Each structure stands twice: as C-alpha cells, then as structure tokens.
Amino acid sequence: MSQIIPILYGVCFVLLLVQAIRLMGRGFSVTSSRKDRTSAKSVTVHPELLDHEGNLLEDELLTVRFTGDNEPPATTSPDAQPDDSPPLAPR
C-alpha cells in the first residue's frame, strides 16, 4: 500500500501538468487572435455611461485623482484661485 501512493501521486502530477499546459496553450492562442481585432482602434464605452435607450449620457462626471507620496507637492502660483471649500469638521 505504501508503494502505490507515490505512483498515484506521480500519475496525478503528470496528468495535471499536461492539463495545465493544454489550458495555457489555449489562452495563448486566444491572445494572439485578439491582437488582430484590437488593431482596428475600436472604442470601448462603459455601460455606466449609457442611458436606458443605449445613448451616451451628457451629464457631467465626477472624477477623483489620488496622488502618491512620491509626487512633488503642488506649487502655488500667484494667479491661483483660493480654495472655497468648507473647512473640515474637527474630530
């Protein structure tokens, strides 16, 4: 019994390895055929930007930009407008 376990382990390992290689081969063939379709410069529209009839929304969008610590601080120019946002509430 103790000699069969390593043999079963080896057989399962080989079968799973073959299956993984076949699966990866299918993925690589799909990506190579996808390159042909993306060379047409198609534009993708997110479904959130469409109304119930499928037309593009004309509403203004809210965007947020998160800056990292590695970016230099913004310099204030003399022409900069003052910040009119309300102050943050104290904790």
Protein backbone atom coordinates (compact mmCIF):
# COMPACT_ATOMS: atom_id res chain seq x y z
CA MET A 1 0.00 0.00 0.00
CA SER A 2 2.79 2.44 0.85
CA GLN A 3 4.37 1.88 -2.60
CA ILE A 4 1.17 2.74 -4.51
CA ILE A 5 0.79 6.24 -3.03
CA PRO A 6 3.94 7.69 -4.70
CA ILE A 7 2.92 6.11 -8.02
CA LEU A 8 -0.60 7.58 -7.80
CA TYR A 9 0.89 10.93 -6.82
CA GLY A 10 3.21 10.85 -9.84
CA VAL A 11 0.41 9.88 -12.25
CA CYS A 12 -1.85 12.65 -10.92
CA PHE A 13 1.00 15.14 -11.13
CA VAL A 14 1.74 14.27 -14.77
CA LEU A 15 -1.96 14.40 -15.74
CA LEU A 16 -2.45 17.77 -14.08
CA LEU A 17 0.74 19.10 -15.68
CA VAL A 18 -0.47 18.04 -19.15
CA GLN A 19 -3.88 19.60 -18.50
CA ALA A 20 -2.28 22.87 -17.33
CA ILE A 21 -0.07 23.06 -20.44
CA ARG A 22 -3.07 22.44 -22.71
CA LEU A 23 -5.09 25.13 -20.92
CA MET A 24 -2.27 27.68 -21.15
CA GLY A 25 -1.84 26.84 -24.83
CA ARG A 26 -5.49 27.71 -25.46
CA GLY A 27 -5.06 31.02 -23.64
CA PHE A 28 -2.01 31.95 -25.70
CA SER A 29 -3.81 31.16 -28.95
CA VAL A 30 -6.75 33.38 -27.92
CA THR A 31 -4.49 36.34 -27.10
CA SER A 32 -2.70 36.04 -30.43
CA SER A 33 -6.02 36.16 -32.31
CA ARG A 34 -7.23 39.07 -30.15
CA LYS A 35 -4.34 41.25 -31.34
CA ASP A 36 -5.82 41.22 -34.82
CA ARG A 37 -9.13 42.61 -33.56
CA THR A 38 -7.61 45.34 -31.38
CA SER A 39 -5.54 46.79 -34.20
CA ALA A 40 -8.71 48.41 -35.64
CA LYS A 41 -8.59 51.09 -32.87
CA SER A 42 -12.09 50.34 -31.58
CA VAL A 43 -13.51 52.49 -28.78
CA THR A 44 -14.97 50.79 -25.73
CA VAL A 45 -17.88 52.54 -23.99
CA HIS A 46 -18.60 51.56 -20.41
CA PRO A 47 -22.23 50.57 -19.80
CA GLU A 48 -22.47 53.08 -16.93
CA LEU A 49 -22.20 55.89 -19.48
CA LEU A 50 -25.31 54.77 -21.39
CA ASP A 51 -28.94 55.56 -20.60
CA HIS A 52 -31.78 53.04 -20.78
CA GLU A 53 -32.02 53.54 -24.57
CA GLY A 54 -28.31 52.97 -25.18
CA ASN A 55 -27.40 56.63 -25.83
CA LEU A 56 -24.38 58.31 -24.23
CA LEU A 57 -25.19 60.33 -21.12
CA GLU A 58 -24.48 64.05 -21.31
CA ASP A 59 -24.23 64.53 -17.53
CA GLU A 60 -21.03 65.87 -16.03
CA LEU A 61 -18.89 63.17 -14.45
CA LEU A 62 -17.21 63.38 -11.07
CA THR A 63 -13.57 62.38 -11.21
CA VAL A 64 -11.17 61.79 -8.35
CA ARG A 65 -7.39 61.74 -8.57
CA PHE A 66 -5.36 60.13 -5.80
CA THR A 67 -1.78 61.30 -5.55
CA GLY A 68 1.03 59.28 -4.10
CA ASP A 69 3.77 60.23 -1.70
CA ASN A 70 6.35 60.14 -4.47
CA GLU A 71 4.83 63.08 -6.37
CA PRO A 72 6.22 66.55 -5.67
CA PRO A 73 3.86 68.91 -3.81
CA ALA A 74 1.84 71.28 -5.95
CA THR A 75 3.36 74.72 -6.16
CA THR A 76 1.06 77.65 -5.65
CA SER A 77 1.25 80.36 -8.23
CA PRO A 78 0.25 83.96 -7.56
CA ASP A 79 -2.58 83.53 -10.09
CA ALA A 80 -4.07 80.56 -8.21
CA GLN A 81 -7.63 80.97 -7.02
CA PRO A 82 -8.39 80.49 -3.31
CA ASP A 83 -9.91 77.27 -2.10
CA ASP A 84 -13.63 77.91 -1.49
CA SER A 85 -14.34 74.50 0.02
CA PRO A 86 -15.73 74.42 3.56
CA PRO A 87 -13.30 73.54 6.35
CA LEU A 88 -13.22 70.00 7.66
CA ALA A 89 -15.17 69.32 10.85
CA PRO A 90 -12.99 68.81 13.96
CA ARG A 91 -12.82 65.32 15.37
